[in-house]
C-alpha atoms as a PDB file:
ATOM      1  CA  MET A   1     108.120  99.254 136.318  1.00  0.00           C
ATOM      2  CA  LYS A   2     109.072 101.714 133.586  1.00  0.00           C
ATOM      3  CA  VAL A   3     107.098 104.916 133.217  1.00  0.00           C
ATOM      4  CA  SER A   4     106.279 104.052 129.590  1.00  0.00           C
ATOM      5  CA  ARG A   5     104.746 100.748 130.682  1.00  0.00           C
ATOM      6  CA  ILE A   6     102.597 102.501 133.293  1.00  0.00           C
ATOM      7  CA  VAL A   7     101.469 105.032 130.694  1.00  0.00           C
ATOM      8  CA  GLY A   8     100.583 102.163 128.323  1.00  0.00           C
ATOM      9  CA  ILE A   9      98.475 100.445 130.990  1.00  0.00           C
ATOM     10  CA  LEU A  10      96.628 103.686 131.726  1.00  0.00           C
ATOM     11  CA  LYS A  11      95.977 104.263 128.026  1.00  0.00           C
ATOM     12  CA  ASP A  12      94.610 100.730 127.677  1.00  0.00           C
ATOM     13  CA  LYS A  13      92.243 101.245 130.597  1.00  0.00           C
ATOM     14  CA  ALA A  14      91.078 104.579 129.216  1.00  0.00           C
ATOM     15  CA  ALA A  15      90.518 103.055 125.768  1.00  0.00           C
ATOM     16  CA  GLU A  16      88.487 100.212 127.284  1.00  0.00           C
ATOM     17  CA  CYS A  17      86.323 102.691 129.188  1.00  0.00           C
ATOM     18  CA  ARG A  18      85.709 104.770 126.049  1.00  0.00           C
ATOM     19  CA  ALA A  19      84.819 101.637 124.104  1.00  0.00           C
ATOM     20  CA  ILE A  20      82.340 100.567 126.788  1.00  0.00           C
ATOM     21  CA  VAL A  21      80.719 104.012 126.905  1.00  0.00           C
ATOM     22  CA  ARG A  22      80.352 104.599 123.153  1.00  0.00           C
ATOM     23  CA  SER A  23      79.745 101.036 122.018  1.00  0.00           C
ATOM     24  CA  LEU A  24      76.648  98.876 121.939  1.00  0.00           C
ATOM     25  CA  SER A  25      78.787  95.807 121.249  1.00  0.00           C
ATOM     26  CA  GLN A  26      81.407  93.974 123.281  1.00  0.00           C
ATOM     27  CA  ILE A  27      83.484  93.561 120.117  1.00  0.00           C
ATOM     28  CA  HIS A  28      84.996  97.052 120.446  1.00  0.00           C
ATOM     29  CA  VAL A  29      86.153  96.305 123.977  1.00  0.00           C
ATOM     30  CA  THR A  30      87.612  92.972 122.852  1.00  0.00           C
ATOM     31  CA  ILE A  31      89.610  94.659 120.074  1.00  0.00           C
ATOM     32  CA  VAL A  32      91.048  97.150 122.557  1.00  0.00           C
ATOM     33  CA  ARG A  33      92.020  94.323 124.916  1.00  0.00           C
ATOM     34  CA  ALA A  34      93.582  92.317 122.080  1.00  0.00           C
ATOM     35  CA  THR A  35      95.718  95.268 120.970  1.00  0.00           C
ATOM     36  CA  ARG A  36      97.093  96.453 124.311  1.00  0.00           C
ATOM     37  CA  HIS A  37     100.393  98.336 124.655  1.00  0.00           C
ATOM     38  CA  ASN A  38     102.413  95.418 126.076  1.00  0.00           C
ATOM     39  CA  GLU A  39     104.875  93.592 123.789  1.00  0.00           C
ATOM     40  CA  SER A  40     103.422  90.128 124.445  1.00  0.00           C
ATOM     41  CA  PRO A  41     101.455  88.367 121.693  1.00  0.00           C
ATOM     42  CA  MET A  42      97.694  88.759 121.676  1.00  0.00           C
ATOM     43  CA  GLN A  43      95.745  86.428 123.926  1.00  0.00           C
ATOM     44  CA  GLU A  44      94.029  83.722 121.902  1.00  0.00           C
ATOM     45  CA  LYS A  45      90.768  84.111 123.836  1.00  0.00           C
ATOM     46  CA  HIS A  46      90.461  87.649 122.479  1.00  0.00           C
ATOM     47  CA  VAL A  47      91.304  86.562 118.930  1.00  0.00           C
ATOM     48  CA  ASP A  48      88.788  83.706 119.142  1.00  0.00           C
ATOM     49  CA  ALA A  49      86.100  86.083 120.406  1.00  0.00           C
ATOM     50  CA  ILE A  50      86.720  88.401 117.457  1.00  0.00           C
ATOM     51  CA  TYR A  51      86.565  85.475 115.001  1.00  0.00           C
ATOM     52  CA  LEU A  52      83.282  84.334 116.528  1.00  0.00           C
ATOM     53  CA  ALA A  53      81.733  87.800 116.394  1.00  0.00           C
ATOM     54  CA  CYS A  54      82.836  88.368 112.792  1.00  0.00           C
ATOM     55  CA  SER A  55      81.436  85.000 111.712  1.00  0.00           C
ATOM     56  CA  THR A  56      78.110  85.498 113.462  1.00  0.00           C
ATOM     57  CA  SER A  57      76.816  88.690 111.909  1.00  0.00           C
ATOM     58  CA  ARG A  58      77.639  90.929 108.942  1.00  0.00           C
ATOM     59  CA  LEU A  59      76.767  93.899 111.145  1.00  0.00           C
ATOM     60  CA  LEU A  60      79.261  92.831 113.800  1.00  0.00           C
ATOM     61  CA  LEU A  61      81.850  92.145 111.093  1.00  0.00           C
ATOM     62  CA  SER A  62      81.427  95.613 109.639  1.00  0.00           C
ATOM     63  CA  SER A  63      81.676  97.113 113.124  1.00  0.00           C
ATOM     64  CA  CYS A  64      84.802  95.072 113.881  1.00  0.00           C
ATOM     65  CA  VAL A  65      86.587  96.144 110.676  1.00  0.00           C
ATOM     66  CA  ALA A  66      85.647  99.789 111.251  1.00  0.00           C
ATOM     67  CA  GLU A  67      87.009  99.654 114.817  1.00  0.00           C
ATOM     68  CA  LEU A  68      90.242  97.993 113.657  1.00  0.00           C
ATOM     69  CA  LYS A  69      90.758 100.692 111.026  1.00  0.00           C
ATOM     70  CA  ARG A  70      89.997 103.443 113.518  1.00  0.00           C
ATOM     71  CA  ARG A  71      92.417 102.079 116.116  1.00  0.00           C
ATOM     72  CA  LEU A  72      95.131 101.563 113.495  1.00  0.00           C
ATOM     73  CA  ARG A  73      94.811 105.117 112.189  1.00  0.00           C
ATOM     74  CA  SER A  74      94.539 106.820 115.568  1.00  0.00           C
ATOM     75  CA  THR A  75      97.411 105.185 117.457  1.00  0.00           C
ATOM     76  CA  HIS A  76     100.957 106.524 117.661  1.00  0.00           C
ATOM     77  CA  ASN A  77     102.281 103.482 119.509  1.00  0.00           C
ATOM     78  CA  TRP A  78     104.186 100.887 117.474  1.00  0.00           C
ATOM     79  CA  VAL A  79     102.928  97.928 119.562  1.00  0.00           C
ATOM     80  CA  VAL A  80      99.255  98.837 119.145  1.00  0.00           C
ATOM     81  CA  ALA A  81      99.713  99.420 115.407  1.00  0.00           C
ATOM     82  CA  LEU A  82     101.565  96.130 114.994  1.00  0.00           C
ATOM     83  CA  LYS A  83      98.923  94.168 116.909  1.00  0.00           C
ATOM     84  CA  CYS A  84      96.186  95.705 114.750  1.00  0.00           C
ATOM     85  CA  LEU A  85      98.102  94.603 111.650  1.00  0.00           C
ATOM     86  CA  ILE A  86      98.659  91.106 113.070  1.00  0.00           C
ATOM     87  CA  LEU A  87      94.946  90.803 113.800  1.00  0.00           C
ATOM     88  CA  ILE A  88      94.097  91.906 110.245  1.00  0.00           C
ATOM     89  CA  HIS A  89      96.675  89.450 108.877  1.00  0.00           C
ATOM     90  CA  ARG A  90      95.256  86.556 110.892  1.00  0.00           C
ATOM     91  CA  LEU A  91      91.698  87.373 109.851  1.00  0.00           C
ATOM     92  CA  LEU A  92      92.826  87.346 106.217  1.00  0.00           C
ATOM     93  CA  GLN A  93      94.653  84.037 106.664  1.00  0.00           C
ATOM     94  CA  GLU A  94      92.123  82.183 108.783  1.00  0.00           C
ATOM     95  CA  GLY A  95      88.794  83.953 108.351  1.00  0.00           C
ATOM     96  CA  ASP A  96      86.082  82.902 105.921  1.00  0.00           C
ATOM     97  CA  PHE A  97      85.517  84.590 102.564  1.00  0.00           C
ATOM     98  CA  ILE A  98      83.101  87.183 103.965  1.00  0.00           C
ATOM     99  CA  ILE A  99      85.707  88.366 106.470  1.00  0.00           C
ATOM    100  CA  GLN A 100      88.402  88.458 103.760  1.00  0.00           C
ATOM    101  CA  ASP A 101      86.105  90.393 101.453  1.00  0.00           C
ATOM    102  CA  GLN A 102      85.265  92.991 104.097  1.00  0.00           C
ATOM    103  CA  LEU A 103      88.949  93.552 104.939  1.00  0.00           C
ATOM    104  CA  SER A 104      90.014  93.848 101.301  1.00  0.00           C
ATOM    105  CA  ILE A 105      87.171  95.881  99.832  1.00  0.00           C
ATOM    106  CA  ASP A 106      89.150  99.165  99.835  1.00  0.00           C
ATOM    107  CA  THR A 107      92.097  97.656  97.978  1.00  0.00           C
ATOM    108  CA  PHE A 108      89.966  95.676  95.527  1.00  0.00           C
ATOM    109  CA  THR A 109      87.493  98.410  94.596  1.00  0.00           C
ATOM    110  CA  THR A 110      89.350 101.731  94.908  1.00  0.00           C
ATOM    111  CA  GLY A 111      93.011 100.712  94.853  1.00  0.00           C
ATOM    112  CA  ARG A 112      93.543 102.876  97.955  1.00  0.00           C
ATOM    113  CA  SER A 113      94.365 101.004 101.114  1.00  0.00           C
ATOM    114  CA  TYR A 114      93.832 101.768 104.784  1.00  0.00           C
ATOM    115  CA  LEU A 115      97.136  99.916 105.268  1.00  0.00           C
ATOM    116  CA  ASN A 116      99.115 102.869 103.926  1.00  0.00           C
ATOM    117  CA  LEU A 117     101.028 103.853 107.062  1.00  0.00           C
ATOM    118  CA  ASP A 118     103.714 105.994 105.439  1.00  0.00           C
ATOM    119  CA  GLY A 119     103.056 108.741 107.972  1.00  0.00           C
ATOM    120  CA  PHE A 120     103.172 106.486 111.033  1.00  0.00           C
ATOM    121  CA  ARG A 121     105.874 107.308 113.601  1.00  0.00           C
ATOM    122  CA  ASP A 122     106.405 106.375 117.250  1.00  0.00           C
ATOM    123  CA  THR A 123     108.785 109.075 118.408  1.00  0.00           C
ATOM    124  CA  SER A 124     109.009 108.003 122.060  1.00  0.00           C
ATOM    125  CA  THR A 125     112.604 106.713 121.803  1.00  0.00           C
ATOM    126  CA  ALA A 126     115.199 105.890 119.162  1.00  0.00           C
ATOM    127  CA  MET A 127     114.220 102.221 119.430  1.00  0.00           C
ATOM    128  CA  THR A 128     110.512 102.898 118.896  1.00  0.00           C
ATOM    129  CA  TRP A 129     111.429 105.043 115.869  1.00  0.00           C
ATOM    130  CA  GLN A 130     113.252 102.047 114.380  1.00  0.00           C
ATOM    131  CA  LEU A 131     110.378  99.717 115.239  1.00  0.00           C
ATOM    132  CA  SER A 132     107.946 102.135 113.578  1.00  0.00           C
ATOM    133  CA  SER A 133     109.879 101.709 110.348  1.00  0.00           C
ATOM    134  CA  TRP A 134     109.378  97.947 110.481  1.00  0.00           C
ATOM    135  CA  VAL A 135     105.665  98.348 111.293  1.00  0.00           C
ATOM    136  CA  ARG A 136     105.328 100.382 108.080  1.00  0.00           C
ATOM    137  CA  CYS A 137     107.186  97.648 106.195  1.00  0.00           C
ATOM    138  CA  TYR A 138     104.859  94.978 107.608  1.00  0.00           C
ATOM    139  CA  ALA A 139     101.835  97.061 106.581  1.00  0.00           C
ATOM    140  CA  ARG A 140     103.263  97.268 103.036  1.00  0.00           C
ATOM    141  CA  TYR A 141     103.624  93.503 103.042  1.00  0.00           C
ATOM    142  CA  ILE A 142      99.953  92.920 103.948  1.00  0.00           C
ATOM    143  CA  ASP A 143      98.909  95.511 101.373  1.00  0.00           C
ATOM    144  CA  GLN A 144     101.020  93.793  98.696  1.00  0.00           C
ATOM    145  CA  TRP A 145      99.510  90.439  99.729  1.00  0.00           C
ATOM    146  CA  LEU A 146      96.080  91.914  99.016  1.00  0.00           C
ATOM    147  CA  CYS A 147      97.238  93.414  95.700  1.00  0.00           C
ATOM    148  CA  THR A 148      98.718  90.063  94.644  1.00  0.00           C
ATOM    149  CA  SER A 149      95.504  88.308  95.630  1.00  0.00           C
ATOM    150  CA  ARG A 150      93.638  90.821  93.482  1.00  0.00           C
ATOM    151  CA  ALA A 151      95.913  90.063  90.511  1.00  0.00           C
ATOM    152  CA  MET A 152      95.451  86.319  91.063  1.00  0.00           C
ATOM    153  CA  GLY A 153      91.684  86.621  91.375  1.00  0.00           C
ATOM    154  CA  ARG A 154      91.623  84.761  94.717  1.00  0.00           C
ATOM    155  CA  PHE A 155      93.105  84.948  98.189  1.00  0.00           C
ATOM    156  CA  LEU A 156      96.488  83.315  98.756  1.00  0.00           C
ATOM    157  CA  ASP A 157      95.489  81.625 101.995  1.00  0.00           C
ATOM    158  CA  GLY A 158      96.649  78.118 101.108  1.00  0.00           C
ATOM    159  CA  ARG A 159      93.224  76.486 101.228  1.00  0.00           C
ATOM    160  CA  SER A 160      93.020  73.472  98.968  1.00  0.00           C
ATOM    161  CA  GLY A 161      89.593  74.397  97.709  1.00  0.00           C
ATOM    162  CA  ASP A 162      90.979  77.594  96.202  1.00  0.00           C
ATOM    163  CA  ARG A 163      93.773  75.953  94.212  1.00  0.00           C
ATOM    164  CA  ILE A 164      93.618  76.428  90.480  1.00  0.00           C
ATOM    165  CA  THR A 165      93.361  73.327  88.324  1.00  0.00           C
ATOM    166  CA  GLY A 166      94.113  74.766  84.900  1.00  0.00           C
ATOM    167  CA  ALA A 167      97.018  76.768  83.556  1.00  0.00           C
ATOM    168  CA  PRO A 168      96.353  80.483  83.027  1.00  0.00           C
ATOM    169  CA  ALA A 169      96.873  81.711  79.490  1.00  0.00           C
ATOM    170  CA  GLY A 170      99.771  83.853  78.227  1.00  0.00           C
ATOM    171  CA  SER A 171      99.269  87.404  79.477  1.00  0.00           C
ATOM    172  CA  GLU A 172      97.390  86.221  82.562  1.00  0.00           C
ATOM    173  CA  ALA A 173     100.204  83.849  83.567  1.00  0.00           C
ATOM    174  CA  LEU A 174     102.740  86.630  83.009  1.00  0.00           C
ATOM    175  CA  ARG A 175     100.763  89.040  85.182  1.00  0.00           C
ATOM    176  CA  GLU A 176     100.412  86.471  87.955  1.00  0.00           C
ATOM    177  CA  LEU A 177     104.122  85.612  87.949  1.00  0.00           C
ATOM    178  CA  ALA A 178     105.012  89.318  88.106  1.00  0.00           C
ATOM    179  CA  ALA A 179     102.618  89.845  91.029  1.00  0.00           C
ATOM    180  CA  LEU A 180     104.036  86.833  92.888  1.00  0.00           C
ATOM    181  CA  GLY A 181     107.562  88.145  92.305  1.00  0.00           C
ATOM    182  CA  GLU A 182     106.613  91.533  93.753  1.00  0.00           C
ATOM    183  CA  LEU A 183     105.170  89.857  96.836  1.00  0.00           C
ATOM    184  CA  LEU A 184     108.329  87.765  97.276  1.00  0.00           C
ATOM    185  CA  ALA A 185     110.426  90.956  97.069  1.00  0.00           C
ATOM    186  CA  VAL A 186     108.369  92.636  99.804  1.00  0.00           C
ATOM    187  CA  THR A 187     108.610  89.415 101.859  1.00  0.00           C
ATOM    188  CA  CYS A 188     112.420  89.580 101.739  1.00  0.00           C
ATOM    189  CA  GLU A 189     112.326  93.255 102.692  1.00  0.00           C
ATOM    190  CA  CYS A 190     110.039  92.525 105.643  1.00  0.00           C
ATOM    191  CA  LEU A 191     112.046  89.580 106.985  1.00  0.00           C
ATOM    192  CA  GLN A 192     115.424  91.216 106.462  1.00  0.00           C
ATOM    193  CA  GLY A 193     114.428  94.422 108.223  1.00  0.00           C
ATOM    194  CA  ALA A 194     112.980  92.763 111.345  1.00  0.00           C
ATOM    195  CA  PRO A 195     114.413  94.506 114.446  1.00  0.00           C
ATOM    196  CA  GLY A 196     115.951  92.732 117.409  1.00  0.00           C
ATOM    197  CA  ASP A 197     116.550  89.494 115.451  1.00  0.00           C
ATOM    198  CA  GLY A 198     112.922  88.558 116.116  1.00  0.00           C
ATOM    199  CA  LYS A 199     113.452  88.431 119.892  1.00  0.00           C
ATOM    200  CA  ILE A 200     110.568  90.791 120.630  1.00  0.00           C
ATOM    201  CA  PRO A 201     107.545  88.467 121.067  1.00  0.00           C
ATOM    202  CA  VAL A 202     105.033  90.529 119.115  1.00  0.00           C
ATOM    203  CA  VAL A 203     107.531  91.061 116.272  1.00  0.00           C
ATOM    204  CA  TRP A 204     108.233  87.336 116.129  1.00  0.00           C
ATOM    205  CA  GLU A 205     104.492  86.649 115.888  1.00  0.00           C
ATOM    206  CA  ALA A 206     104.255  88.906 112.836  1.00  0.00           C
ATOM    207  CA  MET A 207     107.306  87.268 111.240  1.00  0.00           C
ATOM    208  CA  ARG A 208     105.799  83.836 111.799  1.00  0.00           C
ATOM    209  CA  LEU A 209     102.698  84.890 109.863  1.00  0.00           C
ATOM    210  CA  VAL A 210     104.834  86.166 106.984  1.00  0.00           C
ATOM    211  CA  LEU A 211     106.740  82.863 106.870  1.00  0.00           C
ATOM    212  CA  MET A 212     103.465  80.922 106.815  1.00  0.00           C
ATOM    213  CA  ASP A 213     102.437  82.938 103.753  1.00  0.00           C
ATOM    214  CA  THR A 214     105.789  82.245 102.085  1.00  0.00           C
ATOM    215  CA  TRP A 215     105.106  78.508 101.904  1.00  0.00           C
ATOM    216  CA  GLN A 216     102.005  79.162  99.816  1.00  0.00           C
ATOM    217  CA  LEU A 217     103.630  81.952  97.796  1.00  0.00           C
ATOM    218  CA  ARG A 218     106.510  79.773  96.615  1.00  0.00           C
ATOM    219  CA  GLU A 219     104.181  76.870  95.875  1.00  0.00           C
ATOM    220  CA  GLU A 220     102.144  79.197  93.658  1.00  0.00           C
ATOM    221  CA  VAL A 221     105.301  80.281  91.792  1.00  0.00           C
ATOM    222  CA  LEU A 222     106.330  76.642  91.327  1.00  0.00           C
ATOM    223  CA  LEU A 223     102.876  75.679  90.052  1.00  0.00           C
ATOM    224  CA  ARG A 224     102.938  78.390  87.374  1.00  0.00           C
ATOM    225  CA  LEU A 225     106.485  77.544  86.307  1.00  0.00           C
ATOM    226  CA  GLN A 226     105.514  73.888  85.907  1.00  0.00           C
ATOM    227  CA  ASP A 227     102.493  74.892  83.817  1.00  0.00           C
ATOM    228  CA  LEU A 228     104.673  77.169  81.679  1.00  0.00           C
ATOM    229  CA  ARG A 229     107.298  74.452  81.172  1.00  0.00           C
ATOM    230  CA  GLU A 230     104.664  72.148  79.638  1.00  0.00           C
ATOM    231  CA  ARG A 231     103.701  74.621  76.933  1.00  0.00           C
ATOM    232  CA  ILE A 232     106.852  76.708  76.643  1.00  0.00           C
ATOM    233  CA  PHE A 233     107.726  75.832  73.050  1.00  0.00           C
ATOM    234  CA  GLY A 234     104.368  77.116  71.882  1.00  0.00           C
ATOM    235  CA  LEU A 235     105.290  80.671  72.881  1.00  0.00           C
ATOM    236  CA  ARG A 236     106.066  83.353  70.320  1.00  0.00           C
ATOM    237  CA  PRO A 237     109.532  84.968  70.626  1.00  0.00           C
ATOM    238  CA  GLU A 238     108.111  88.216  72.002  1.00  0.00           C
ATOM    239  CA  GLU A 239     106.136  86.274  74.637  1.00  0.00           C
ATOM    240  CA  ALA A 240     109.232  84.269  75.530  1.00  0.00           C
ATOM    241  CA  ALA A 241     111.219  87.500  76.000  1.00  0.00           C
ATOM    242  CA  GLU A 242     108.597  88.891  78.393  1.00  0.00           C
ATOM    243  CA  PHE A 243     108.464  85.648  80.367  1.00  0.00           C
ATOM    244  CA  LEU A 244     112.260  85.475  80.550  1.00  0.00           C
ATOM    245  CA  SER A 245     112.510  88.999  81.976  1.00  0.00           C
ATOM    246  CA  THR A 246     109.810  88.285  84.567  1.00  0.00           C
ATOM    247  CA  ILE A 247     111.186  84.876  85.563  1.00  0.00           C
ATOM    248  CA  GLU A 248     114.736  86.225  85.916  1.00  0.00           C
ATOM    249  CA  SER A 249     113.336  88.818  88.335  1.00  0.00           C
ATOM    250  CA  VAL A 250     111.478  86.100  90.256  1.00  0.00           C
ATOM    251  CA  GLY A 251     114.674  84.011  90.285  1.00  0.00           C
ATOM    252  CA  ALA A 252     116.656  86.883  91.748  1.00  0.00           C
ATOM    253  CA  GLN A 253     114.074  87.335  94.523  1.00  0.00           C
ATOM    254  CA  GLU A 254     114.053  83.595  95.206  1.00  0.00           C
ATOM    255  CA  LEU A 255     117.850  83.597  95.494  1.00  0.00           C
ATOM    256  CA  ALA A 256     117.657  86.557  97.894  1.00  0.00           C
ATOM    257  CA  PHE A 257     115.089  84.692  99.999  1.00  0.00           C
ATOM    258  CA  ARG A 258     117.188  81.517 100.143  1.00  0.00           C
ATOM    259  CA  THR A 259     120.266  83.511 101.106  1.00  0.00           C
ATOM    260  CA  LEU A 260     118.285  85.267 103.810  1.00  0.00           C
ATOM    261  CA  MET A 261     117.100  81.960 105.225  1.00  0.00           C
ATOM    262  CA  MET A 262     120.597  80.451 105.137  1.00  0.00           C
ATOM    263  CA  GLU A 263     122.084  83.417 106.980  1.00  0.00           C
ATOM    264  CA  SER A 264     119.199  83.865 109.398  1.00  0.00           C
ATOM    265  CA  ARG A 265     119.910  83.762 113.124  1.00  0.00           C
ATOM    266  CA  GLN A 266     116.243  83.342 113.875  1.00  0.00           C
ATOM    267  CA  PRO A 267     114.788  80.354 115.764  1.00  0.00           C
ATOM    268  CA  GLY A 268     114.664  76.983 114.027  1.00  0.00           C
ATOM    269  CA  SER A 269     111.338  77.543 112.300  1.00  0.00           C
ATOM    270  CA  LEU A 270     113.063  80.139 110.131  1.00  0.00           C
ATOM    271  CA  ALA A 271     115.861  77.765 109.139  1.00  0.00           C
ATOM    272  CA  ALA A 272     116.451  76.968 105.468  1.00  0.00           C
ATOM    273  CA  TRP A 273     115.741  73.261 105.886  1.00  0.00           C
ATOM    274  CA  GLU A 274     112.115  74.073 106.681  1.00  0.00           C
ATOM    275  CA  PHE A 275     111.746  75.167 103.045  1.00  0.00           C
ATOM    276  CA  ALA A 276     113.914  72.434 101.482  1.00  0.00           C
ATOM    277  CA  HIS A 277     111.040  70.460  99.945  1.00  0.00           C
ATOM    278  CA  VAL A 278     109.956  73.534  97.970  1.00  0.00           C
ATOM    279  CA  THR A 279     113.394  75.095  97.455  1.00  0.00           C
ATOM    280  CA  ASP A 280     114.963  72.260  95.453  1.00  0.00           C
ATOM    281  CA  ARG A 281     111.975  71.827  93.136  1.00  0.00           C
ATOM    282  CA  LEU A 282     111.583  75.570  92.626  1.00  0.00           C
ATOM    283  CA  GLU A 283     115.269  76.103  91.903  1.00  0.00           C
ATOM    284  CA  ASP A 284     115.424  73.281  89.363  1.00  0.00           C
ATOM    285  CA  CYS A 285     112.237  74.487  87.678  1.00  0.00           C
ATOM    286  CA  LEU A 286     113.517  78.075  87.458  1.00  0.00           C
ATOM    287  CA  VAL A 287     116.752  76.928  85.816  1.00  0.00           C
ATOM    288  CA  SER A 288     114.925  74.612  83.396  1.00  0.00           C
ATOM    289  CA  VAL A 289     112.369  77.216  82.311  1.00  0.00           C
ATOM    290  CA  MET A 290     114.962  79.964  81.846  1.00  0.00           C
ATOM    291  CA  GLU A 291     117.182  77.689  79.723  1.00  0.00           C
ATOM    292  CA  SER A 292     114.195  76.756  77.557  1.00  0.00           C
ATOM    293  CA  LEU A 293     113.186  80.391  77.095  1.00  0.00           C
ATOM    294  CA  LYS A 294     116.738  81.312  76.099  1.00  0.00           C
ATOM    295  CA  ALA A 295     116.722  78.481  73.592  1.00  0.00           C
ATOM    296  CA  ILE A 296     113.531  79.873  72.039  1.00  0.00           C
ATOM    297  CA  LEU A 297     115.173  83.291  71.785  1.00  0.00           C
ATOM    298  CA  GLY A 298     118.227  81.782  70.058  1.00  0.00           C
ATOM    299  CA  PHE A 299     120.730  81.975  72.896  1.00  0.00           C
ATOM    300  CA  ARG A 300     122.993  79.194  74.100  1.00  0.00           C
ATOM    301  CA  SER A 301     124.832  79.097  77.414  1.00  0.00           C
ATOM    302  CA  LEU A 302     128.631  79.221  77.531  1.00  0.00           C
ATOM    303  CA  ILE A 303     128.623  77.843  81.070  1.00  0.00           C
ATOM    304  CA  VAL A 304     127.301  74.396  81.823  1.00  0.00           C
ATOM    305  CA  ARG A 305     125.616  74.431  85.238  1.00  0.00           C
ATOM    306  CA  LYS A 306     124.044  71.742  87.323  1.00  0.00           C
ATOM    307  CA  PRO A 307     120.402  72.424  88.295  1.00  0.00           C
ATOM    308  CA  SER A 308     121.378  72.657  91.954  1.00  0.00           C
ATOM    309  CA  GLU A 309     123.870  75.489  91.407  1.00  0.00           C
ATOM    310  CA  SER A 310     122.439  78.770  92.596  1.00  0.00           C
ATOM    311  CA  ARG A 311     124.027  81.219  90.146  1.00  0.00           C
ATOM    312  CA  TRP A 312     121.780  83.245  87.938  1.00  0.00           C
ATOM    313  CA  ASN A 313     124.407  85.328  86.065  1.00  0.00           C
ATOM    314  CA  GLU A 314     125.995  83.620  83.099  1.00  0.00           C
ATOM    315  CA  ILE A 315     127.536  84.497  79.743  1.00  0.00           C
ATOM    316  CA  ILE A 316     125.483  83.526  76.718  1.00  0.00           C
ATOM    317  CA  LEU A 317     125.899  83.836  72.949  1.00  0.00           C
ATOM    318  CA  PRO A 318     123.349  84.141  70.175  1.00  0.00           C
ATOM    319  CA  GLU A 319     123.046  80.997  68.082  1.00  0.00           C
ATOM    320  CA  LYS A 320     123.251  82.974  64.833  1.00  0.00           C
ATOM    321  CA  SER A 321     126.556  84.415  63.703  1.00  0.00           C
ATOM    322  CA  PHE A 322     127.242  88.135  63.810  1.00  0.00           C
ATOM    323  CA  THR A 323     130.205  87.844  61.440  1.00  0.00           C
ATOM    324  CA  ASP A 324     128.351  89.435  58.550  1.00  0.00           C
ATOM    325  CA  SER A 325     127.501  92.536  60.563  1.00  0.00           C
ATOM    326  CA  ASN A 326     130.792  92.831  62.448  1.00  0.00           C
ATOM    327  CA  GLU A 327     133.732  94.192  60.459  1.00  0.00           C
ATOM    328  CA  ASP A 328     136.292  92.870  62.965  1.00  0.00           C
ATOM    329  CA  GLY A 329     134.748  89.416  62.942  1.00  0.00           C
ATOM    330  CA  LEU A 330     134.291  89.480  66.733  1.00  0.00           C
ATOM    331  CA  LEU A 331     131.283  87.974  68.468  1.00  0.00           C
ATOM    332  CA  PRO A 332     129.865  90.286  71.168  1.00  0.00           C
ATOM    333  CA  LEU A 333     129.314  88.737  74.590  1.00  0.00           C
ATOM    334  CA  LEU A 334     125.977  89.424  76.282  1.00  0.00           C
ATOM    335  CA  LEU A 335     125.723  89.405  80.067  1.00  0.00           C
ATOM    336  CA  ILE A 336     122.410  88.093  81.279  1.00  0.00           C
END
């Protein structure tokens, strides 16, 4: 057995003893046991016990969140930090609204997040240094998930009861699309930077949670694009220009995500075909909406593309002639 593994076991035992001594609740001990130093995923019995405690009492919930924050801030071990983040992520995904509210109150009220781990480093070895970098990236992802949820006005947990039924108006729809695009960008960064090709069990567990979020994220983007397509010709030119810029950015992130999935060497659940039912509809909708917005702005495409083609760069010309303002009689080409 490696020395580092022995040291981890001793630290876990010491942490359990401290939790027992200073705590009036078993929840602190359970959190320590759930976030041990080994690289195996958390035991479900510990996660279930934490869910039960958090759902039983607001006092226990507050105590649980405080202990999670304390353990996340105090540790210098990448495994413990990652397991704390995974536990927070699962509580946000699967917990009830009270749990979600307690975990997000810092981000929603002050804009400052306990998930800011920019100073976190595990300097034990070169490998743990690299893994620390990905732990920070995963923390940024969860933080961005909370910020996007704040912009949307609800948590992006995929529950049918939270789905919107009406289309958001102009500036609100633009803000939501921009927030969703930012989250998709951080998603790509998180998945692309995963160390060890996802072969480390606890890393793979975190990646699985990110992929589960991505289903809902891309559905939300598609829903807003479909709403926009229905009322697109009622937009003013300046609104159309803002939407076009935002949607082109979202399209670039979507292309990066699809490329990442196509090139992924991860297990089958990360394969591109898992996302096919969303990918085709989203791609076609992106192309359709961008073409309509360009038409509103007076641009026509020089390249005829099928909806299934995944190229976002094309040469376009203004519909109006520039001959009167161009002494040489040449039409300038604009690269979009």
